[in-house]
Amino acid sequence: MTGPSTTAPLDDAITVLAALLHAARPLTTSELAAALGWPQARAATAVQAAEHQPEVCGPLALQRTPSGAHLVTAQHGRLTPAQRTALAQRPGQCPSGRPDGPD
C-alpha cells in the first residue's frame, strides 16, 4: 500500500520542536514555515500534531504565547516544583540563595 506517511505529521512536529528550541524565542506558524522552507499548511499541521499529541514531544511541550506565537518549554510533569526552583537559580547559587562554596 502506498500513500502519504501517517508518521509525517509526528516527524514534522518533532522538527518544529527542534526549530523552536534552536531559535530560543517564540515563532509564529508563518515564521516556522518560512524558516523550515515548508508550506504554511505543513507547519500548521505539525503544530497541531504537537499540541494534540503531546506524548510525541518527549520532555518538551509546545505552548502558545498570548500573541499566538509558539514556544517550547519543559513538560511540567517531568520535573518536581523543587527541581524547577533549583534549576531557575543563577549559577553559583544553591537553592537557599546563598553562594555555593566553602563556608
PDB file of N, CA and C in Angstrom:
ATOM      1  N   MET A   1       0.848  -1.178   0.000  1.00  0.00           N
ATOM      2  CA  MET A   1       0.000   0.000   0.000  1.00  0.00           C
ATOM      3  C   MET A   1       0.889   1.235   0.000  1.00  0.00           C
ATOM      4  N   THR A   2       0.607   2.137  -0.887  1.00  0.00           N
ATOM      5  CA  THR A   2       1.371   3.376  -0.941  1.00  0.00           C
ATOM      6  C   THR A   2       0.445   4.536  -0.648  1.00  0.00           C
ATOM      7  N   GLY A   3       1.046   5.630  -0.293  1.00  0.00           N
ATOM      8  CA  GLY A   3       0.279   6.821   0.037  1.00  0.00           C
ATOM      9  C   GLY A   3       1.055   7.643   1.025  1.00  0.00           C
ATOM     10  N   PRO A   4       0.446   8.715   1.493  1.00  0.00           N
ATOM     11  CA  PRO A   4       1.156   9.563   2.430  1.00  0.00           C
ATOM     12  C   PRO A   4       1.469   8.832   3.733  1.00  0.00           C
ATOM     13  N   SER A   5       2.592   9.141   4.287  1.00  0.00           N
ATOM     14  CA  SER A   5       3.006   8.518   5.540  1.00  0.00           C
ATOM     15  C   SER A   5       2.140   9.030   6.678  1.00  0.00           C
ATOM     16  N   THR A   6       1.723   8.102   7.552  1.00  0.00           N
ATOM     17  CA  THR A   6       0.932   8.523   8.708  1.00  0.00           C
ATOM     18  C   THR A   6       1.823   9.077   9.810  1.00  0.00           C
ATOM     19  N   THR A   7       3.141   8.864   9.695  1.00  0.00           N
ATOM     20  CA  THR A   7       4.058   9.400  10.711  1.00  0.00           C
ATOM     21  C   THR A   7       4.606  10.768  10.336  1.00  0.00           C
ATOM     22  N   ALA A   8       4.367  11.224   9.121  1.00  0.00           N
ATOM     23  CA  ALA A   8       4.917  12.511   8.680  1.00  0.00           C
ATOM     24  C   ALA A   8       4.519  13.668   9.606  1.00  0.00           C
ATOM     25  N   PRO A   9       3.249  13.809   9.991  1.00  0.00           N
ATOM     26  CA  PRO A   9       2.916  14.919  10.894  1.00  0.00           C
ATOM     27  C   PRO A   9       3.644  14.828  12.237  1.00  0.00           C
ATOM     28  N   LEU A  10       3.853  13.619  12.738  1.00  0.00           N
ATOM     29  CA  LEU A  10       4.560  13.464  14.011  1.00  0.00           C
ATOM     30  C   LEU A  10       6.043  13.787  13.847  1.00  0.00           C
ATOM     31  N   ASP A  11       6.628  13.347  12.740  1.00  0.00           N
ATOM     32  CA  ASP A  11       8.020  13.694  12.460  1.00  0.00           C
ATOM     33  C   ASP A  11       8.160  15.206  12.309  1.00  0.00           C
ATOM     34  N   ASP A  12       7.205  15.809  11.617  1.00  0.00           N
ATOM     35  CA  ASP A  12       7.230  17.266  11.447  1.00  0.00           C
ATOM     36  C   ASP A  12       7.050  17.982  12.779  1.00  0.00           C
ATOM     37  N   ALA A  13       6.218  17.430  13.659  1.00  0.00           N
ATOM     38  CA  ALA A  13       6.030  18.036  14.982  1.00  0.00           C
ATOM     39  C   ALA A  13       7.347  18.069  15.744  1.00  0.00           C
ATOM     40  N   ILE A  14       8.106  16.986  15.668  1.00  0.00           N
ATOM     41  CA  ILE A  14       9.398  16.937  16.344  1.00  0.00           C
ATOM     42  C   ILE A  14      10.360  17.944  15.724  1.00  0.00           C
ATOM     43  N   THR A  15      10.293  18.108  14.397  1.00  0.00           N
ATOM     44  CA  THR A  15      11.128  19.110  13.727  1.00  0.00           C
ATOM     45  C   THR A  15      10.751  20.522  14.181  1.00  0.00           C
ATOM     46  N   VAL A  16       9.466  20.783  14.340  1.00  0.00           N
ATOM     47  CA  VAL A  16       9.013  22.090  14.832  1.00  0.00           C
ATOM     48  C   VAL A  16       9.553  22.344  16.239  1.00  0.00           C
ATOM     49  N   LEU A  17       9.502  21.338  17.097  1.00  0.00           N
ATOM     50  CA  LEU A  17      10.039  21.498  18.452  1.00  0.00           C
ATOM     51  C   LEU A  17      11.532  21.798  18.406  1.00  0.00           C
ATOM     52  N   ALA A  18      12.257  21.077  17.553  1.00  0.00           N
ATOM     53  CA  ALA A  18      13.696  21.325  17.415  1.00  0.00           C
ATOM     54  C   ALA A  18      13.956  22.737  16.900  1.00  0.00           C
ATOM     55  N   ALA A  19      13.146  23.186  15.956  1.00  0.00           N
ATOM     56  CA  ALA A  19      13.312  24.542  15.414  1.00  0.00           C
ATOM     57  C   ALA A  19      13.073  25.595  16.491  1.00  0.00           C
ATOM     58  N   LEU A  20      12.031  25.416  17.276  1.00  0.00           N
ATOM     59  CA  LEU A  20      11.739  26.369  18.344  1.00  0.00           C
ATOM     60  C   LEU A  20      12.817  26.353  19.414  1.00  0.00           C
ATOM     61  N   LEU A  21      13.310  25.178  19.722  1.00  0.00           N
ATOM     62  CA  LEU A  21      14.386  25.065  20.701  1.00  0.00           C
ATOM     63  C   LEU A  21      15.636  25.775  20.189  1.00  0.00           C
ATOM     64  N   HIS A  22      15.949  25.576  18.927  1.00  0.00           N
ATOM     65  CA  HIS A  22      17.122  26.213  18.326  1.00  0.00           C
ATOM     66  C   HIS A  22      16.950  27.730  18.251  1.00  0.00           C
ATOM     67  N   ALA A  23      15.759  28.186  17.895  1.00  0.00           N
ATOM     68  CA  ALA A  23      15.505  29.627  17.777  1.00  0.00           C
ATOM     69  C   ALA A  23      15.557  30.322  19.137  1.00  0.00           C
ATOM     70  N   ALA A  24      15.198  29.611  20.183  1.00  0.00           N
ATOM     71  CA  ALA A  24      15.213  30.141  21.553  1.00  0.00           C
ATOM     72  C   ALA A  24      14.351  31.390  21.701  1.00  0.00           C
ATOM     73  N   ARG A  25      13.278  31.434  20.910  1.00  0.00           N
ATOM     74  CA  ARG A  25      12.316  32.536  21.014  1.00  0.00           C
ATOM     75  C   ARG A  25      10.995  32.062  20.402  1.00  0.00           C
ATOM     76  N   PRO A  26       9.895  32.671  20.782  1.00  0.00           N
ATOM     77  CA  PRO A  26       8.618  32.276  20.180  1.00  0.00           C
ATOM     78  C   PRO A  26       8.596  32.610  18.685  1.00  0.00           C
ATOM     79  N   LEU A  27       7.976  31.731  17.911  1.00  0.00           N
ATOM     80  CA  LEU A  27       7.800  31.944  16.480  1.00  0.00           C
ATOM     81  C   LEU A  27       6.359  31.647  16.104  1.00  0.00           C
ATOM     82  N   THR A  28       5.834  32.389  15.152  1.00  0.00           N
ATOM     83  CA  THR A  28       4.502  32.115  14.632  1.00  0.00           C
ATOM     84  C   THR A  28       4.584  30.933  13.671  1.00  0.00           C
ATOM     85  N   THR A  29       3.440  30.404  13.327  1.00  0.00           N
ATOM     86  CA  THR A  29       3.403  29.314  12.353  1.00  0.00           C
ATOM     87  C   THR A  29       3.982  29.781  11.022  1.00  0.00           C
ATOM     88  N   SER A  30       3.695  31.005  10.622  1.00  0.00           N
ATOM     89  CA  SER A  30       4.248  31.546   9.373  1.00  0.00           C
ATOM     90  C   SER A  30       5.767  31.635   9.438  1.00  0.00           C
ATOM     91  N   GLU A  31       6.293  32.076  10.568  1.00  0.00           N
ATOM     92  CA  GLU A  31       7.751  32.159  10.727  1.00  0.00           C
ATOM     93  C   GLU A  31       8.389  30.777  10.704  1.00  0.00           C
ATOM     94  N   LEU A  32       7.728  29.807  11.340  1.00  0.00           N
ATOM     95  CA  LEU A  32       8.230  28.428  11.305  1.00  0.00           C
ATOM     96  C   LEU A  32       8.248  27.903   9.876  1.00  0.00           C
ATOM     97  N   ALA A  33       7.157  28.111   9.152  1.00  0.00           N
ATOM     98  CA  ALA A  33       7.076  27.634   7.770  1.00  0.00           C
ATOM     99  C   ALA A  33       8.188  28.246   6.922  1.00  0.00           C
ATOM    100  N   ALA A  34       8.393  29.540   7.051  1.00  0.00           N
ATOM    101  CA  ALA A  34       9.429  30.210   6.264  1.00  0.00           C
ATOM    102  C   ALA A  34      10.818  29.697   6.625  1.00  0.00           C
ATOM    103  N   ALA A  35      11.094  29.563   7.917  1.00  0.00           N
ATOM    104  CA  ALA A  35      12.418  29.130   8.352  1.00  0.00           C
ATOM    105  C   ALA A  35      12.707  27.687   7.937  1.00  0.00           C
ATOM    106  N   LEU A  36      11.675  26.853   7.946  1.00  0.00           N
ATOM    107  CA  LEU A  36      11.858  25.445   7.605  1.00  0.00           C
ATOM    108  C   LEU A  36      11.721  25.176   6.106  1.00  0.00           C
ATOM    109  N   GLY A  37      11.292  26.194   5.355  1.00  0.00           N
ATOM    110  CA  GLY A  37      11.089  26.005   3.920  1.00  0.00           C
ATOM    111  C   GLY A  37       9.884  25.135   3.607  1.00  0.00           C
ATOM    112  N   TRP A  38       8.869  25.205   4.452  1.00  0.00           N
ATOM    113  CA  TRP A  38       7.660  24.397   4.312  1.00  0.00           C
ATOM    114  C   TRP A  38       6.489  25.272   3.890  1.00  0.00           C
ATOM    115  N   PRO A  39       5.483  24.665   3.275  1.00  0.00           N
ATOM    116  CA  PRO A  39       4.219  25.389   3.075  1.00  0.00           C
ATOM    117  C   PRO A  39       3.567  25.661   4.438  1.00  0.00           C
ATOM    118  N   GLN A  40       2.805  26.714   4.497  1.00  0.00           N
ATOM    119  CA  GLN A  40       2.123  27.100   5.743  1.00  0.00           C
ATOM    120  C   GLN A  40       1.271  25.956   6.288  1.00  0.00           C
ATOM    121  N   ALA A  41       0.584  25.236   5.419  1.00  0.00           N
ATOM    122  CA  ALA A  41      -0.288  24.143   5.864  1.00  0.00           C
ATOM    123  C   ALA A  41       0.512  23.036   6.548  1.00  0.00           C
ATOM    124  N   ARG A  42       1.695  22.738   6.049  1.00  0.00           N
ATOM    125  CA  ARG A  42       2.527  21.697   6.669  1.00  0.00           C
ATOM    126  C   ARG A  42       2.949  22.117   8.065  1.00  0.00           C
ATOM    127  N   ALA A  43       3.366  23.368   8.213  1.00  0.00           N
ATOM    128  CA  ALA A  43       3.772  23.863   9.533  1.00  0.00           C
ATOM    129  C   ALA A  43       2.576  23.859  10.493  1.00  0.00           C
ATOM    130  N   ALA A  44       1.415  24.266  10.009  1.00  0.00           N
ATOM    131  CA  ALA A  44       0.217  24.289  10.857  1.00  0.00           C
ATOM    132  C   ALA A  44      -0.161  22.868  11.297  1.00  0.00           C
ATOM    133  N   THR A  45      -0.056  21.907  10.395  1.00  0.00           N
ATOM    134  CA  THR A  45      -0.350  20.515  10.739  1.00  0.00           C
ATOM    135  C   THR A  45       0.627  19.994  11.781  1.00  0.00           C
ATOM    136  N   ALA A  46       1.905  20.357  11.633  1.00  0.00           N
ATOM    137  CA  ALA A  46       2.922  19.923  12.603  1.00  0.00           C
ATOM    138  C   ALA A  46       2.658  20.528  13.977  1.00  0.00           C
ATOM    139  N   VAL A  47       2.293  21.799  14.019  1.00  0.00           N
ATOM    140  CA  VAL A  47       1.974  22.459  15.289  1.00  0.00           C
ATOM    141  C   VAL A  47       0.770  21.777  15.937  1.00  0.00           C
ATOM    142  N   GLN A  48      -0.254  21.494  15.139  1.00  0.00           N
ATOM    143  CA  GLN A  48      -1.442  20.821  15.670  1.00  0.00           C
ATOM    144  C   GLN A  48      -1.098  19.442  16.214  1.00  0.00           C
ATOM    145  N   ALA A  49      -0.234  18.721  15.510  1.00  0.00           N
ATOM    146  CA  ALA A  49       0.164  17.390  15.987  1.00  0.00           C
ATOM    147  C   ALA A  49       0.873  17.490  17.333  1.00  0.00           C
ATOM    148  N   ALA A  50       1.748  18.478  17.483  1.00  0.00           N
ATOM    149  CA  ALA A  50       2.462  18.651  18.760  1.00  0.00           C
ATOM    150  C   ALA A  50       1.504  19.059  19.876  1.00  0.00           C
ATOM    151  N   GLU A  51       0.506  19.859  19.536  1.00  0.00           N
ATOM    152  CA  GLU A  51      -0.463  20.295  20.547  1.00  0.00           C
ATOM    153  C   GLU A  51      -1.412  19.173  20.954  1.00  0.00           C
ATOM    154  N   HIS A  52      -1.844  18.377  19.987  1.00  0.00           N
ATOM    155  CA  HIS A  52      -2.872  17.363  20.253  1.00  0.00           C
ATOM    156  C   HIS A  52      -2.321  15.987  20.605  1.00  0.00           C
ATOM    157  N   GLN A  53      -1.013  15.796  20.404  1.00  0.00           N
ATOM    158  CA  GLN A  53      -0.387  14.525  20.757  1.00  0.00           C
ATOM    159  C   GLN A  53       0.893  14.811  21.541  1.00  0.00           C
ATOM    160  N   PRO A  54       0.766  15.384  22.742  1.00  0.00           N
ATOM    161  CA  PRO A  54       1.952  15.783  23.499  1.00  0.00           C
ATOM    162  C   PRO A  54       2.884  14.637  23.848  1.00  0.00           C
ATOM    163  N   GLU A  55       2.388  13.406  23.790  1.00  0.00           N
ATOM    164  CA  GLU A  55       3.248  12.268  24.104  1.00  0.00           C
ATOM    165  C   GLU A  55       4.396  12.117  23.099  1.00  0.00           C
ATOM    166  N   VAL A  56       4.256  12.662  21.902  1.00  0.00           N
ATOM    167  CA  VAL A  56       5.344  12.577  20.920  1.00  0.00           C
ATOM    168  C   VAL A  56       6.429  13.615  21.187  1.00  0.00           C
ATOM    169  N   CYS A  57       6.150  14.545  22.074  1.00  0.00           N
ATOM    170  CA  CYS A  57       7.082  15.640  22.344  1.00  0.00           C
ATOM    171  C   CYS A  57       8.147  15.282  23.373  1.00  0.00           C
ATOM    172  N   GLY A  58       8.057  14.095  23.956  1.00  0.00           N
ATOM    173  CA  GLY A  58       9.040  13.707  24.959  1.00  0.00           C
ATOM    174  C   GLY A  58       8.988  14.646  26.149  1.00  0.00           C
ATOM    175  N   PRO A  59      10.140  15.136  26.581  1.00  0.00           N
ATOM    176  CA  PRO A  59      10.156  16.019  27.755  1.00  0.00           C
ATOM    177  C   PRO A  59       9.785  17.466  27.425  1.00  0.00           C
ATOM    178  N   LEU A  60       9.496  17.736  26.154  1.00  0.00           N
ATOM    179  CA  LEU A  60       9.172  19.100  25.738  1.00  0.00           C
ATOM    180  C   LEU A  60       7.669  19.276  25.600  1.00  0.00           C
ATOM    181  N   ALA A  61       7.237  20.525  25.684  1.00  0.00           N
ATOM    182  CA  ALA A  61       5.832  20.863  25.477  1.00  0.00           C
ATOM    183  C   ALA A  61       5.758  22.083  24.588  1.00  0.00           C
ATOM    184  N   LEU A  62       4.817  22.072  23.666  1.00  0.00           N
ATOM    185  CA  LEU A  62       4.582  23.226  22.797  1.00  0.00           C
ATOM    186  C   LEU A  62       3.542  24.101  23.467  1.00  0.00           C
ATOM    187  N   GLN A  63       3.828  25.379  23.578  1.00  0.00           N
ATOM    188  CA  GLN A  63       2.879  26.314  24.177  1.00  0.00           C
ATOM    189  C   GLN A  63       2.668  27.489  23.241  1.00  0.00           C
ATOM    190  N   ARG A  64       1.509  28.127  23.363  1.00  0.00           N
ATOM    191  CA  ARG A  64       1.211  29.352  22.606  1.00  0.00           C
ATOM    192  C   ARG A  64       1.371  30.546  23.525  1.00  0.00           C
ATOM    193  N   THR A  65       1.947  31.591  22.976  1.00  0.00           N
ATOM    194  CA  THR A  65       2.051  32.841  23.718  1.00  0.00           C
ATOM    195  C   THR A  65       0.740  33.604  23.539  1.00  0.00           C
ATOM    196  N   PRO A  66       0.495  34.643  24.333  1.00  0.00           N
ATOM    197  CA  PRO A  66      -0.727  35.428  24.149  1.00  0.00           C
ATOM    198  C   PRO A  66      -0.849  36.025  22.739  1.00  0.00           C
ATOM    199  N   SER A  67       0.277  36.254  22.066  1.00  0.00           N
ATOM    200  CA  SER A  67       0.235  36.806  20.707  1.00  0.00           C
ATOM    201  C   SER A  67      -0.064  35.741  19.654  1.00  0.00           C
ATOM    202  N   GLY A  68      -0.072  34.462  20.052  1.00  0.00           N
ATOM    203  CA  GLY A  68      -0.340  33.389  19.113  1.00  0.00           C
ATOM    204  C   GLY A  68       0.905  32.702  18.589  1.00  0.00           C
ATOM    205  N   ALA A  69       2.075  33.171  18.972  1.00  0.00           N
ATOM    206  CA  ALA A  69       3.323  32.504  18.576  1.00  0.00           C
ATOM    207  C   ALA A  69       3.483  31.230  19.403  1.00  0.00           C
ATOM    208  N   HIS A  70       4.432  30.414  19.033  1.00  0.00           N
ATOM    209  CA  HIS A  70       4.668  29.139  19.704  1.00  0.00           C
ATOM    210  C   HIS A  70       6.037  29.157  20.361  1.00  0.00           C
ATOM    211  N   LEU A  71       6.146  28.443  21.485  1.00  0.00           N
ATOM    212  CA  LEU A  71       7.436  28.278  22.134  1.00  0.00           C
ATOM    213  C   LEU A  71       7.498  26.905  22.763  1.00  0.00           C
ATOM    214  N   VAL A  72       8.723  26.480  23.065  1.00  0.00           N
ATOM    215  CA  VAL A  72       8.952  25.174  23.656  1.00  0.00           C
ATOM    216  C   VAL A  72       9.309  25.355  25.125  1.00  0.00           C
ATOM    217  N   THR A  73       8.692  24.543  25.964  1.00  0.00           N
ATOM    218  CA  THR A  73       9.002  24.531  27.386  1.00  0.00           C
ATOM    219  C   THR A  73       9.152  23.078  27.826  1.00  0.00           C
ATOM    220  N   ALA A  74       9.590  22.883  29.042  1.00  0.00           N
ATOM    221  CA  ALA A  74       9.653  21.527  29.600  1.00  0.00           C
ATOM    222  C   ALA A  74       8.257  21.121  30.050  1.00  0.00           C
ATOM    223  N   GLN A  75       7.921  19.857  29.852  1.00  0.00           N
ATOM    224  CA  GLN A  75       6.646  19.368  30.361  1.00  0.00           C
ATOM    225  C   GLN A  75       6.678  19.446  31.877  1.00  0.00           C
ATOM    226  N   HIS A  76       5.627  19.980  32.456  1.00  0.00           N
ATOM    227  CA  HIS A  76       5.600  20.179  33.907  1.00  0.00           C
ATOM    228  C   HIS A  76       5.695  18.889  34.686  1.00  0.00           C
ATOM    229  N   GLY A  77       5.201  17.800  34.157  1.00  0.00           N
ATOM    230  CA  GLY A  77       5.221  16.536  34.880  1.00  0.00           C
ATOM    231  C   GLY A  77       6.592  15.891  34.977  1.00  0.00           C
ATOM    232  N   ARG A  78       7.552  16.371  34.205  1.00  0.00           N
ATOM    233  CA  ARG A  78       8.884  15.762  34.199  1.00  0.00           C
ATOM    234  C   ARG A  78       9.740  16.212  35.378  1.00  0.00           C
ATOM    235  N   LEU A  79       9.523  17.422  35.859  1.00  0.00           N
ATOM    236  CA  LEU A  79      10.320  17.958  36.960  1.00  0.00           C
ATOM    237  C   LEU A  79       9.407  18.310  38.122  1.00  0.00           C
ATOM    238  N   THR A  80       9.886  18.088  39.322  1.00  0.00           N
ATOM    239  CA  THR A  80       9.111  18.479  40.501  1.00  0.00           C
ATOM    240  C   THR A  80       9.222  19.992  40.675  1.00  0.00           C
ATOM    241  N   PRO A  81       8.330  20.598  41.454  1.00  0.00           N
ATOM    242  CA  PRO A  81       8.459  22.032  41.719  1.00  0.00           C
ATOM    243  C   PRO A  81       9.820  22.376  42.333  1.00  0.00           C
ATOM    244  N   ALA A  82      10.330  21.536  43.233  1.00  0.00           N
ATOM    245  CA  ALA A  82      11.637  21.793  43.847  1.00  0.00           C
ATOM    246  C   ALA A  82      12.756  21.751  42.796  1.00  0.00           C
ATOM    247  N   GLN A  83      12.669  20.826  41.852  1.00  0.00           N
ATOM    248  CA  GLN A  83      13.678  20.744  40.797  1.00  0.00           C
ATOM    249  C   GLN A  83      13.625  21.983  39.899  1.00  0.00           C
ATOM    250  N   ARG A  84      12.411  22.419  39.549  1.00  0.00           N
ATOM    251  CA  ARG A  84      12.290  23.626  38.714  1.00  0.00           C
ATOM    252  C   ARG A  84      12.855  24.839  39.437  1.00  0.00           C
ATOM    253  N   THR A  85      12.596  24.953  40.727  1.00  0.00           N
ATOM    254  CA  THR A  85      13.131  26.075  41.512  1.00  0.00           C
ATOM    255  C   THR A  85      14.651  26.027  41.540  1.00  0.00           C
ATOM    256  N   ALA A  86      15.212  24.855  41.777  1.00  0.00           N
ATOM    257  CA  ALA A  86      16.671  24.719  41.836  1.00  0.00           C
ATOM    258  C   ALA A  86      17.300  25.064  40.492  1.00  0.00           C
ATOM    259  N   LEU A  87      16.666  24.669  39.399  1.00  0.00           N
ATOM    260  CA  LEU A  87      17.213  24.945  38.073  1.00  0.00           C
ATOM    261  C   LEU A  87      17.080  26.407  37.683  1.00  0.00           C
ATOM    262  N   ALA A  88      16.150  27.121  38.295  1.00  0.00           N
ATOM    263  CA  ALA A  88      15.963  28.539  37.987  1.00  0.00           C
ATOM    264  C   ALA A  88      16.990  29.426  38.681  1.00  0.00           C
ATOM    265  N   GLN A  89      17.761  28.867  39.601  1.00  0.00           N
ATOM    266  CA  GLN A  89      18.757  29.645  40.331  1.00  0.00           C
ATOM    267  C   GLN A  89      19.878  30.076  39.396  1.00  0.00           C
ATOM    268  N   ARG A  90      20.464  31.212  39.696  1.00  0.00           N
ATOM    269  CA  ARG A  90      21.619  31.678  38.931  1.00  0.00           C
ATOM    270  C   ARG A  90      22.806  30.782  39.216  1.00  0.00           C
ATOM    271  N   PRO A  91      23.716  30.650  38.249  1.00  0.00           N
ATOM    272  CA  PRO A  91      24.927  29.857  38.509  1.00  0.00           C
ATOM    273  C   PRO A  91      25.674  30.388  39.726  1.00  0.00           C
ATOM    274  N   GLY A  92      26.201  29.475  40.508  1.00  0.00           N
ATOM    275  CA  GLY A  92      26.954  29.870  41.693  1.00  0.00           C
ATOM    276  C   GLY A  92      26.100  30.032  42.923  1.00  0.00           C
ATOM    277  N   GLN A  93      24.800  29.774  42.802  1.00  0.00           N
ATOM    278  CA  GLN A  93      23.925  29.865  43.971  1.00  0.00           C
ATOM    279  C   GLN A  93      23.276  28.515  44.208  1.00  0.00           C
ATOM    280  N   CYS A  94      23.125  28.181  45.455  1.00  0.00           N
ATOM    281  CA  CYS A  94      22.375  26.988  45.794  1.00  0.00           C
ATOM    282  C   CYS A  94      20.913  27.397  45.957  1.00  0.00           C
ATOM    283  N   PRO A  95      19.967  26.464  46.068  1.00  0.00           N
ATOM    284  CA  PRO A  95      18.570  26.823  46.192  1.00  0.00           C
ATOM    285  C   PRO A  95      18.238  27.764  47.347  1.00  0.00           C
ATOM    286  N   SER A  96      19.073  27.817  48.386  1.00  0.00           N
ATOM    287  CA  SER A  96      18.806  28.717  49.505  1.00  0.00           C
ATOM    288  C   SER A  96      19.091  30.163  49.138  1.00  0.00           C
ATOM    289  N   GLY A  97      19.757  30.379  47.991  1.00  0.00           N
ATOM    290  CA  GLY A  97      20.096  31.740  47.593  1.00  0.00           C
ATOM    291  C   GLY A  97      21.481  32.169  48.011  1.00  0.00           C
ATOM    292  N   ARG A  98      22.141  31.384  48.866  1.00  0.00           N
ATOM    293  CA  ARG A  98      23.498  31.708  49.297  1.00  0.00           C
ATOM    294  C   ARG A  98      24.478  31.203  48.258  1.00  0.00           C
ATOM    295  N   PRO A  99      25.580  31.888  48.038  1.00  0.00           N
ATOM    296  CA  PRO A  99      26.570  31.405  47.077  1.00  0.00           C
ATOM    297  C   PRO A  99      27.104  30.046  47.495  1.00  0.00           C
ATOM    298  N   ASP A 100      27.357  29.206  46.492  1.00  0.00           N
ATOM    299  CA  ASP A 100      27.991  27.908  46.746  1.00  0.00           C
ATOM    300  C   ASP A 100      29.436  28.136  47.133  1.00  0.00           C
ATOM    301  N   GLY A 101      29.990  27.188  47.789  1.00  0.00           N
ATOM    302  CA  GLY A 101      31.414  27.269  48.131  1.00  0.00           C
ATOM    303  C   GLY A 101      31.625  27.035  49.594  1.00  0.00           C
ATOM    304  N   PRO A 102      32.888  27.084  50.033  1.00  0.00           N
ATOM    305  CA  PRO A 102      33.190  26.835  51.426  1.00  0.00           C
ATOM    306  C   PRO A 102      32.585  27.903  52.328  1.00  0.00           C
ATOM    307  N   ASP A 103      32.151  27.484  53.492  1.00  0.00           N
ATOM    308  CA  ASP A 103      31.583  28.434  54.459  1.00  0.00           C
ATOM    309  C   ASP A 103      32.676  29.071  55.282  1.00  0.00           C
TER     310      ASP A 103
END
